[in-house]
Protein backbone atom coordinates (compact mmCIF):
# COMPACT_ATOMS: atom_id res chain seq x y z
CA MET A 1 13.21 -208.30 -41.50
CA THR A 2 11.13 -207.21 -44.49
CA ASP A 3 10.27 -203.67 -45.49
CA ALA A 4 6.49 -203.27 -45.08
CA SER A 5 6.43 -200.48 -47.69
CA GLN A 6 7.53 -202.90 -50.42
CA PRO A 7 4.88 -205.13 -52.05
CA ASN A 8 5.20 -208.83 -51.39
CA ALA A 9 5.27 -210.68 -54.72
CA ASN A 10 4.06 -213.86 -53.00
CA ILE A 11 0.74 -212.17 -52.27
CA LEU A 12 0.18 -211.58 -55.98
CA LEU A 13 1.31 -215.11 -56.86
CA ASP A 14 -1.19 -216.55 -54.39
CA LEU A 15 -3.99 -214.58 -56.05
CA VAL A 16 -3.33 -216.28 -59.40
CA GLN A 17 -2.66 -219.74 -57.96
CA MET A 18 -5.16 -220.28 -55.17
CA LYS A 19 -8.78 -221.28 -55.59
CA MET A 20 -11.73 -220.18 -53.51
CA PRO A 21 -12.16 -222.97 -50.94
CA PHE A 22 -15.91 -222.60 -50.33
CA GLY A 23 -19.16 -220.99 -51.38
CA LYS A 24 -20.79 -220.12 -54.66
CA TYR A 25 -17.45 -219.75 -56.44
CA LYS A 26 -15.67 -222.74 -54.88
CA ASP A 27 -12.72 -223.85 -57.04
CA THR A 28 -12.52 -220.50 -58.87
CA LEU A 29 -9.11 -218.83 -58.88
CA LEU A 30 -9.13 -215.86 -56.52
CA CYS A 31 -8.10 -213.59 -59.40
CA ASP A 32 -11.12 -214.77 -61.42
CA LEU A 33 -13.74 -214.04 -58.76
CA PRO A 34 -16.32 -211.52 -59.98
CA VAL A 35 -16.15 -208.07 -58.47
CA SER A 36 -19.78 -208.43 -57.32
CA TYR A 37 -18.75 -211.35 -55.07
CA LEU A 38 -15.84 -209.34 -53.66
CA GLU A 39 -18.18 -206.38 -53.13
CA TRP A 40 -20.45 -208.66 -51.12
CA PHE A 41 -17.53 -209.65 -48.87
CA SER A 42 -16.59 -205.99 -48.56
CA ARG A 43 -20.08 -205.18 -47.28
CA GLU A 44 -20.58 -208.28 -45.13
CA GLY A 45 -17.01 -208.75 -43.91
CA PHE A 46 -14.06 -210.64 -45.29
CA PRO A 47 -13.25 -213.98 -43.65
CA PRO A 48 -10.57 -213.92 -40.97
CA GLY A 49 -6.96 -214.77 -41.66
CA LYS A 50 -4.99 -215.09 -44.86
CA LEU A 51 -7.99 -215.77 -47.11
CA GLY A 52 -9.69 -212.59 -45.93
CA MET A 53 -6.53 -210.59 -46.65
CA GLN A 54 -6.30 -212.16 -50.11
CA LEU A 55 -9.93 -211.41 -50.93
CA ALA A 56 -9.58 -207.83 -49.69
CA THR A 57 -6.44 -207.42 -51.81
CA MET A 58 -8.21 -208.83 -54.86
CA PHE A 59 -11.12 -206.44 -54.24
CA GLU A 60 -8.75 -203.45 -54.16
CA ILE A 61 -6.99 -204.62 -57.33
CA LYS A 62 -10.27 -204.98 -59.21
CA ILE A 63 -11.93 -201.74 -58.09
CA ASN A 64 -8.77 -199.79 -58.93
CA GLY A 65 -8.36 -201.32 -62.40
CA LEU A 66 -5.08 -203.02 -61.60
CA GLU A 67 -5.88 -206.52 -62.88
CA TYR A 68 -3.29 -206.06 -65.62
CA LEU A 69 -0.65 -206.54 -62.90
CA LEU A 70 -1.78 -210.15 -62.46
CA LYS A 71 -1.92 -211.17 -66.14
CA PRO A 72 1.81 -211.97 -66.56
CA LEU A 73 1.74 -213.98 -63.35
CA LYS A 74 -1.46 -215.80 -64.26
CA ASN A 75 -0.10 -216.83 -67.65
CA LYS A 76 2.87 -218.55 -65.97
CA GLN A 77 1.08 -220.35 -63.13
CA GLN A 78 -0.85 -223.51 -62.54
CA PRO A 79 -3.71 -223.46 -59.99
CA ARG A 80 -3.05 -224.91 -56.56
CA TYR A 81 -5.05 -225.55 -53.43
CA ARG A 82 -4.08 -224.47 -49.92
């Protein structure tokens, strides 16, 4: 059993590895999506499931100025599709 109060490093890794699967920014790494696009999802509703959780997480990271947390991970990773 995992402790829900501890951050899951895999969530952050996914943000620097996975690409947006559809829409205007298809094939853009989730961590590279512009905040305006994430704001749109915030207003209109994030997609269901894992992608929605990832986009909501990326939105929170960007609006709180925490992108620096992703830089070391991004520098070590290659993009992947899911």
